[in-house]
Amino acid sequence: MTRSLFDPVAPEGRTSRRFRDVRDLRVFTAARRLMDEIFADFPDVDHSFVREFQTAGFSPRVLELALFAYLKEEGYELDRSRPAPDFVISGDSPVAIEATTSNPPEGEDPDYVDPSVGLQRLMPDDVPAAEQAFIFQAAKALRSKLSKRDAAGLAYWEQPHVAGMPFVIALESFYSASSLAHAIRPLGDYLYGRRDVATYDVDGNLHLVGELITEHQNGGKTIPSGLFSQSSASQLSAVLFTNNATISKFNRIGTERGYGPADVAMIRYGAIVDPDPNATKPQLFGYLVGDYEPDQRESFSEGLNLLHNPWAESPLDLGVLRNVTEHQLVDDGRVLTTCSRLDPIASVTMIFQGAGAEQRARETLAVILADDGDPAYPVMAKDDLLSD
């Protein structure tokens, strides 16, 4: 019998609004088909995945399914015989990975907003304050995983089948409607307890200097910076962060594979790193999903950022997790980033449906790409349907 994530297992009144949107709306046909295709090979060890996906655990389960898709895409051999940690890579370079998310308070739905607000809801009004809130939410989620013990009093990394392996926590933020707008930089500041400060010499060349951070403040509360250097994180080998393991990712990749209706089109746009070595701001990018060669298609590794802990008792070697962007603290206090491609920092997906959907998508994209404003905050169209 073929399993489907969308066959009802929970009472309708308990299902989440986001799940119902994906289940019921025609514009998510490609996402549904791709998710079911991936889930067909997914070992649901504790037999709770579908119920959680349909109810309060929708976003965390989307992250988990995207991580599984990445690991299978890269050809890793996985041991899913036990419920925790979530993924165990076996073979010559074993790794234990536990997924977590920062979530809204119980009973609140950050996505439940008036659609007329459009994409503006995705950008916080006060960016510095929002970044501090993001750091606090990430810190809470990470510390929760580090402090958790099972009935036998064992931490994730102490489980007999993973003892001695590098331990990685995969993280994504869903605590507010704008949480996915935050990229890797503030998280790196918190984990390393340092930030890169940009200066220019007399010739206009950019220089980065590592600056020490001792604490972070938010809403009258203070937490110490530098989680990686703290004794409580000595078993944490790395953090695998993403802000695009979303339904839109599944919808885009499914559309690339031809799984969507002919009268549904989508565009993706946002901010990407400027390759100019003297640049301090990102570039604007955008494209019509599927309007490129097969070798340019999106992968599940795109958008994954691996931050290495230099103080870990079981360090994770560079390159063990393939095709991700890797970050490591170097001797001069700066953070070195190594990547095989330029991944989007943050992006928005807009969906169009009905007669002339592709033409309307192309016209909207042209307007966005012609805008001369800040590429991190591109022009917001008013006729979007759903986005993330």
Protein backbone atom coordinates (compact mmCIF):
# COMPACT_ATOMS: atom_id res chain seq x y z
CA MET A 1 0.00 0.00 0.00
CA THR A 2 1.40 3.43 -0.99
CA ARG A 3 1.77 5.82 1.91
CA SER A 4 0.76 9.46 1.59
CA LEU A 5 1.46 12.35 3.92
CA PHE A 6 -1.92 13.75 3.00
CA ASP A 7 -4.19 10.79 3.81
CA PRO A 8 -6.06 11.91 6.95
CA VAL A 9 -4.83 10.48 10.25
CA ALA A 10 -5.89 13.37 12.50
CA PRO A 11 -9.31 14.97 13.06
CA GLU A 12 -9.84 17.91 10.72
CA GLY A 13 -10.20 20.27 13.67
CA ARG A 14 -6.68 19.46 14.82
CA THR A 15 -4.96 19.90 11.48
CA SER A 16 -2.82 22.99 10.95
CA ARG A 17 -3.75 25.73 8.51
CA ARG A 18 -0.47 25.32 6.60
CA PHE A 19 -1.08 21.59 6.19
CA ARG A 20 -4.59 22.22 4.88
CA ASP A 21 -3.28 24.79 2.40
CA VAL A 22 -0.73 22.35 0.99
CA ARG A 23 -3.23 19.48 0.97
CA ASP A 24 -6.09 21.37 -0.66
CA LEU A 25 -4.68 24.03 -2.97
CA ARG A 26 -3.97 23.14 -6.58
CA VAL A 27 -0.89 25.38 -6.66
CA PHE A 28 0.87 22.91 -4.35
CA THR A 29 0.33 19.88 -6.59
CA ALA A 30 4.06 19.66 -7.37
CA ALA A 31 5.02 19.84 -3.68
CA ARG A 32 2.53 17.13 -2.70
CA ARG A 33 3.73 14.71 -5.38
CA LEU A 34 7.41 15.27 -4.56
CA MET A 35 6.89 14.99 -0.80
CA ASP A 36 5.00 11.72 -1.16
CA GLU A 37 7.69 10.45 -3.51
CA ILE A 38 10.38 11.15 -0.90
CA PHE A 39 8.26 9.92 1.99
CA ALA A 40 7.82 6.54 0.27
CA ASP A 41 11.43 5.76 1.28
CA PHE A 42 11.32 7.51 4.64
CA PRO A 43 11.65 5.17 7.66
CA ASP A 44 9.09 6.47 10.17
CA VAL A 45 10.73 4.89 13.20
CA ASP A 46 8.31 6.06 15.90
CA HIS A 47 5.23 6.02 13.60
CA SER A 48 4.28 9.60 14.48
CA PHE A 49 5.60 11.53 11.48
CA VAL A 50 2.36 11.82 9.49
CA ARG A 51 0.24 12.82 12.49
CA GLU A 52 2.72 15.50 13.52
CA PHE A 53 3.03 16.71 9.92
CA GLN A 54 -0.73 17.19 9.74
CA THR A 55 -1.07 18.90 13.13
CA ALA A 56 1.17 21.07 15.31
CA GLY A 57 4.46 19.68 14.00
CA PHE A 58 4.04 20.67 10.36
CA SER A 59 7.14 22.87 9.90
CA PRO A 60 9.53 20.64 11.91
CA ARG A 61 8.49 17.63 9.84
CA VAL A 62 9.01 19.57 6.59
CA LEU A 63 12.57 20.28 7.76
CA GLU A 64 13.09 16.61 8.62
CA LEU A 65 11.81 15.46 5.23
CA ALA A 66 14.04 17.98 3.44
CA LEU A 67 17.09 16.76 5.40
CA PHE A 68 16.24 13.17 4.48
CA ALA A 69 15.93 14.21 0.82
CA TYR A 70 19.36 15.90 1.02
CA LEU A 71 21.04 12.86 2.57
CA LYS A 72 19.51 10.52 -0.02
CA GLU A 73 20.37 12.96 -2.83
CA GLU A 74 24.02 12.84 -1.77
CA GLY A 75 24.01 9.05 -1.58
CA TYR A 76 24.64 8.59 2.15
CA GLU A 77 23.92 5.27 3.80
CA LEU A 78 21.55 5.95 6.69
CA ASP A 79 20.78 4.06 9.86
CA ARG A 80 17.19 4.88 10.85
CA SER A 81 16.70 1.87 13.12
CA ARG A 82 16.27 4.00 16.27
CA PRO A 83 14.17 7.10 16.96
CA ALA A 84 17.04 9.33 18.12
CA PRO A 85 19.07 11.02 16.85
CA ASP A 86 16.97 11.67 13.76
CA PHE A 87 19.61 10.66 11.20
CA VAL A 88 22.76 8.58 11.51
CA ILE A 89 25.15 8.52 8.57
CA SER A 90 27.05 5.24 8.57
CA GLY A 91 30.17 4.28 6.66
CA ASP A 92 33.74 5.56 6.89
CA SER A 93 32.73 9.00 8.27
CA PRO A 94 29.74 8.44 10.55
CA VAL A 95 27.74 11.44 11.75
CA ALA A 96 24.72 11.75 14.05
CA ILE A 97 22.24 14.51 13.16
CA GLU A 98 19.33 15.71 15.28
CA ALA A 99 16.84 18.20 13.77
CA THR A 100 15.16 21.00 15.69
CA THR A 101 13.19 24.17 15.02
CA SER A 102 12.40 27.36 16.90
CA ASN A 103 8.63 27.54 17.06
CA PRO A 104 5.92 30.05 18.01
CA PRO A 105 4.27 29.85 21.43
CA GLU A 106 1.83 26.98 21.72
CA GLY A 107 -1.50 27.78 20.11
CA GLU A 108 -0.13 30.60 17.95
CA ASP A 109 0.24 30.40 14.17
CA PRO A 110 2.74 32.95 12.81
CA ASP A 111 1.52 32.37 9.27
CA TYR A 112 -2.08 33.22 10.05
CA VAL A 113 -2.17 36.72 8.59
CA ASP A 114 -4.35 38.65 6.18
CA PRO A 115 -3.11 37.69 2.67
CA SER A 116 -3.58 41.32 1.60
CA VAL A 117 -0.52 42.14 3.68
CA GLY A 118 1.43 40.30 0.99
CA LEU A 119 5.12 39.66 1.25
CA GLN A 120 5.71 42.66 3.50
CA ARG A 121 4.95 40.47 6.49
CA LEU A 122 8.19 38.60 5.81
CA MET A 123 10.41 41.58 6.64
CA PRO A 124 10.61 42.81 10.25
CA ASP A 125 10.16 46.52 10.91
CA ASP A 126 13.15 46.71 13.25
CA VAL A 127 15.86 44.49 11.74
CA PRO A 128 18.47 44.77 14.57
CA ALA A 129 15.84 43.95 17.20
CA ALA A 130 14.51 41.10 15.08
CA GLU A 131 18.03 39.67 14.73
CA GLN A 132 18.43 39.62 18.50
CA ALA A 133 15.07 37.85 18.84
CA PHE A 134 16.26 35.35 16.23
CA ILE A 135 19.46 34.71 18.23
CA PHE A 136 17.46 34.13 21.42
CA GLN A 137 15.10 31.73 19.67
CA ALA A 138 17.98 29.81 18.08
CA ALA A 139 19.81 29.68 21.41
CA LYS A 140 16.72 28.31 23.15
CA ALA A 141 16.23 25.57 20.55
CA LEU A 142 19.90 24.52 20.59
CA ARG A 143 20.23 24.53 24.38
CA SER A 144 17.06 22.45 24.64
CA LYS A 145 18.60 19.72 22.48
CA LEU A 146 21.92 19.87 24.36
CA SER A 147 20.24 19.49 27.74
CA LYS A 148 17.71 16.81 26.80
CA ARG A 149 18.12 13.36 28.35
CA ASP A 150 16.11 10.19 27.72
CA ALA A 151 14.54 7.92 30.32
CA ALA A 152 17.94 6.32 30.94
CA GLY A 153 19.55 9.72 31.48
CA LEU A 154 21.46 9.66 28.18
CA ALA A 155 22.03 12.62 25.86
CA TYR A 156 21.71 12.26 22.11
CA TRP A 157 25.47 11.74 21.66
CA GLU A 158 25.57 9.18 24.47
CA GLN A 159 23.24 6.72 22.76
CA PRO A 160 25.17 3.44 22.32
CA HIS A 161 24.75 3.36 18.53
CA VAL A 162 26.25 6.87 18.05
CA ALA A 163 28.76 7.14 20.91
CA GLY A 164 31.99 8.74 19.69
CA MET A 165 30.46 10.06 16.45
CA PRO A 166 30.43 13.78 15.60
CA PHE A 167 27.06 15.17 16.71
CA VAL A 168 25.30 17.82 14.61
CA ILE A 169 22.11 19.77 15.30
CA ALA A 170 20.14 20.86 12.22
CA LEU A 171 18.23 24.09 12.86
CA GLU A 172 15.53 26.16 11.15
CA SER A 173 13.45 29.01 12.59
CA PHE A 174 9.67 29.15 12.39
CA TYR A 175 8.83 31.21 15.49
CA SER A 176 7.34 34.17 13.57
CA ALA A 177 6.12 35.15 10.11
CA SER A 178 9.46 36.89 9.45
CA SER A 179 11.80 34.30 11.00
CA LEU A 180 12.85 32.81 7.65
CA ALA A 181 14.20 36.20 6.57
CA HIS A 182 17.17 35.74 8.89
CA ALA A 183 20.28 34.24 7.35
CA ILE A 184 23.48 32.76 8.73
CA ARG A 185 25.32 35.84 10.03
CA PRO A 186 23.56 36.48 13.38
CA LEU A 187 23.61 32.77 14.18
CA GLY A 188 27.35 32.68 13.51
CA ASP A 189 27.83 35.68 15.80
CA TYR A 190 26.13 33.78 18.62
CA LEU A 191 27.84 30.44 18.07
CA TYR A 192 31.38 31.82 17.74
CA GLY A 193 31.05 34.84 20.03
CA ARG A 194 32.63 36.97 17.33
CA ARG A 195 31.54 39.12 14.45
CA ASP A 196 33.35 40.27 11.34
CA VAL A 197 33.69 44.06 11.18
CA ALA A 198 34.22 45.54 7.71
CA THR A 199 36.78 48.30 7.13
CA TYR A 200 38.28 49.76 3.95
CA ASP A 201 41.86 50.84 3.34
CA VAL A 202 42.89 53.97 1.42
CA ASP A 203 42.68 52.06 -1.86
CA GLY A 204 39.09 51.02 -1.20
CA ASN A 205 39.90 47.38 -0.47
CA LEU A 206 37.70 45.57 2.03
CA HIS A 207 39.25 44.14 5.21
CA LEU A 208 37.44 42.06 7.84
CA VAL A 209 38.49 42.16 11.47
CA GLY A 210 37.17 39.70 14.06
CA GLU A 211 35.50 41.44 17.02
CA LEU A 212 34.69 39.70 20.31
CA ILE A 213 31.05 39.49 21.45
CA THR A 214 30.38 38.71 25.12
CA GLU A 215 26.58 38.76 25.30
CA HIS A 216 23.31 39.26 23.44
CA GLN A 217 20.35 41.28 24.73
CA ASN A 218 16.68 41.06 23.84
CA GLY A 219 13.63 42.40 25.63
CA GLY A 220 15.53 43.10 28.84
CA LYS A 221 17.08 39.62 28.91
CA THR A 222 20.74 38.73 28.41
CA ILE A 223 22.44 35.52 27.30
CA PRO A 224 26.18 34.87 26.96
CA SER A 225 27.58 34.71 23.46
CA GLY A 226 29.87 32.02 22.07
CA LEU A 227 27.83 28.85 22.58
CA PHE A 228 30.49 26.72 20.87
CA SER A 229 33.11 27.70 23.48
CA GLN A 230 30.88 26.82 26.45
CA SER A 231 31.35 23.51 28.25
CA SER A 232 27.68 22.60 27.73
CA ALA A 233 28.34 22.51 23.96
CA SER A 234 31.57 20.52 23.99
CA GLN A 235 29.78 17.55 22.37
CA LEU A 236 28.22 19.69 19.65
CA SER A 237 30.40 19.20 16.57
CA ALA A 238 28.52 21.60 14.30
CA VAL A 239 25.21 23.30 13.59
CA LEU A 240 23.56 22.73 10.20
CA PHE A 241 21.39 25.78 9.54
CA THR A 242 18.90 26.52 6.79
CA ASN A 243 16.17 29.08 6.17
CA ASN A 244 14.66 27.45 3.07
CA ALA A 245 13.63 23.91 3.99
CA THR A 246 10.04 24.88 3.29
CA ILE A 247 7.04 23.85 1.26
CA SER A 248 8.16 26.33 -1.39
CA LYS A 249 11.39 24.39 -1.84
CA PHE A 250 9.46 21.18 -2.45
CA ASN A 251 7.11 23.07 -4.78
CA ARG A 252 9.97 24.54 -6.81
CA ILE A 253 11.87 21.25 -7.14
CA GLY A 254 8.65 19.40 -7.95
CA THR A 255 7.85 21.99 -10.62
CA GLU A 256 11.33 21.52 -12.12
CA ARG A 257 10.55 17.81 -12.40
CA GLY A 258 7.27 18.49 -14.20
CA TYR A 259 5.00 17.50 -11.31
CA GLY A 260 2.84 20.65 -11.34
CA PRO A 261 -0.16 21.75 -13.45
CA ALA A 262 0.54 23.54 -16.73
CA ASP A 263 -1.37 26.65 -15.64
CA VAL A 264 0.69 27.20 -12.47
CA ALA A 265 3.91 29.22 -12.64
CA MET A 266 6.21 30.55 -9.96
CA ILE A 267 9.11 32.90 -9.59
CA ARG A 268 11.81 32.99 -6.96
CA TYR A 269 13.72 36.12 -6.00
CA GLY A 270 15.75 37.44 -3.10
CA ALA A 271 19.29 38.18 -1.99
CA ILE A 272 22.47 36.36 -2.91
CA VAL A 273 26.12 36.96 -1.99
CA ASP A 274 27.90 39.48 -4.19
CA PRO A 275 31.09 37.76 -5.47
CA ASP A 276 32.92 41.12 -5.54
CA PRO A 277 35.60 40.76 -2.79
CA ASN A 278 34.97 44.36 -1.73
CA ALA A 279 31.19 44.05 -1.47
CA THR A 280 29.41 44.27 1.89
CA LYS A 281 25.83 44.05 0.58
CA PRO A 282 24.12 41.21 -1.30
CA GLN A 283 22.90 41.20 -4.87
CA LEU A 284 19.30 40.84 -5.99
CA PHE A 285 18.53 37.67 -7.95
CA GLY A 286 15.41 36.20 -9.49
CA TYR A 287 14.24 33.57 -11.94
CA LEU A 288 11.21 31.80 -13.36
CA VAL A 289 11.18 28.33 -11.81
CA GLY A 290 12.03 25.72 -14.44
CA ASP A 291 13.23 28.20 -17.08
CA TYR A 292 16.81 26.84 -17.28
CA GLU A 293 18.78 23.75 -18.15
CA PRO A 294 18.43 20.52 -16.08
CA ASP A 295 21.97 20.87 -14.70
CA GLN A 296 20.95 24.20 -13.12
CA ARG A 297 18.08 22.76 -11.14
CA GLU A 298 17.76 23.37 -7.43
CA SER A 299 19.10 20.74 -5.03
CA PHE A 300 18.17 19.90 -1.46
CA SER A 301 21.73 20.80 -0.44
CA GLU A 302 21.19 24.38 -1.59
CA GLY A 303 20.76 26.66 1.40
CA LEU A 304 22.40 24.34 3.94
CA ASN A 305 25.06 26.08 6.06
CA LEU A 306 27.34 24.05 8.32
CA LEU A 307 28.99 25.94 11.18
CA HIS A 308 31.87 23.95 12.70
CA ASN A 309 32.63 24.01 16.43
CA PRO A 310 36.41 24.49 16.84
CA TRP A 311 36.20 23.40 20.50
CA ALA A 312 34.22 20.18 19.92
CA GLU A 313 35.47 16.99 21.57
CA SER A 314 34.46 15.08 18.41
CA PRO A 315 35.09 17.54 15.55
CA LEU A 316 33.47 17.07 12.16
CA ASP A 317 35.95 17.10 9.30
CA LEU A 318 35.45 19.48 6.42
CA GLY A 319 33.70 17.90 3.47
CA VAL A 320 32.01 15.05 5.35
CA LEU A 321 28.64 16.66 4.66
CA ARG A 322 28.87 17.19 0.93
CA ASN A 323 27.75 20.21 -1.11
CA VAL A 324 26.92 22.41 1.87
CA THR A 325 28.39 25.84 2.63
CA GLU A 326 30.87 25.42 5.50
CA HIS A 327 31.92 28.00 8.09
CA GLN A 328 34.88 27.69 10.44
CA LEU A 329 36.62 29.99 12.90
CA VAL A 330 40.24 30.62 11.89
CA ASP A 331 43.20 31.67 14.01
CA ASP A 332 42.84 35.42 13.46
CA GLY A 333 39.29 35.40 14.84
CA ARG A 334 37.52 35.66 11.51
CA VAL A 335 35.04 33.15 10.12
CA LEU A 336 36.14 31.45 6.90
CA THR A 337 33.35 30.42 4.54
CA THR A 338 33.88 27.68 1.94
CA CYS A 339 31.27 26.97 -0.72
CA SER A 340 30.96 25.26 -4.09
CA ARG A 341 28.29 27.71 -5.30
CA LEU A 342 26.65 30.97 -4.22
CA ASP A 343 23.50 30.03 -2.32
CA PRO A 344 20.66 32.51 -1.80
CA ILE A 345 20.84 34.29 1.54
CA ALA A 346 17.05 34.55 1.67
CA SER A 347 14.35 34.28 -0.95
CA VAL A 348 10.65 34.56 -1.69
CA THR A 349 8.60 32.29 -3.97
CA MET A 350 5.53 33.76 -5.68
CA ILE A 351 2.91 31.54 -7.29
CA PHE A 352 0.65 32.42 -10.22
CA GLN A 353 -2.21 30.28 -11.53
CA GLY A 354 -4.78 30.31 -14.28
CA ALA A 355 -4.70 31.45 -17.88
CA GLY A 356 -1.55 33.40 -18.68
CA ALA A 357 0.15 32.44 -15.40
CA GLU A 358 3.61 32.16 -16.93
CA GLN A 359 3.35 35.51 -18.72
CA ARG A 360 2.21 37.25 -15.53
CA ALA A 361 5.06 35.60 -13.66
CA ARG A 362 7.61 36.83 -16.21
CA GLU A 363 6.22 40.37 -16.12
CA THR A 364 6.31 40.48 -12.32
CA LEU A 365 9.86 39.15 -12.27
CA ALA A 366 10.96 41.83 -14.73
CA VAL A 367 9.56 44.55 -12.47
CA ILE A 368 11.32 43.10 -9.42
CA LEU A 369 14.69 42.76 -11.15
CA ALA A 370 14.44 46.30 -12.52
CA ASP A 371 14.07 47.77 -9.03
CA ASP A 372 17.07 49.74 -7.80
CA GLY A 373 16.27 49.48 -4.10
CA ASP A 374 18.01 47.51 -1.37
CA PRO A 375 18.38 43.93 -2.70
CA ALA A 376 17.65 42.54 0.73
CA TYR A 377 14.20 44.17 0.59
CA PRO A 378 12.98 43.89 -3.01
CA VAL A 379 9.76 45.41 -4.31
CA MET A 380 6.73 43.49 -3.08
CA ALA A 381 4.02 42.70 -5.61
CA LYS A 382 0.39 42.79 -4.48
CA ASP A 383 -0.98 39.80 -6.36
CA ASP A 384 0.99 37.01 -4.72
CA LEU A 385 -0.91 33.98 -3.52
CA LEU A 386 1.37 32.25 -1.05
CA SER A 387 5.05 32.60 -0.35
CA ASP A 388 7.92 31.70 1.94
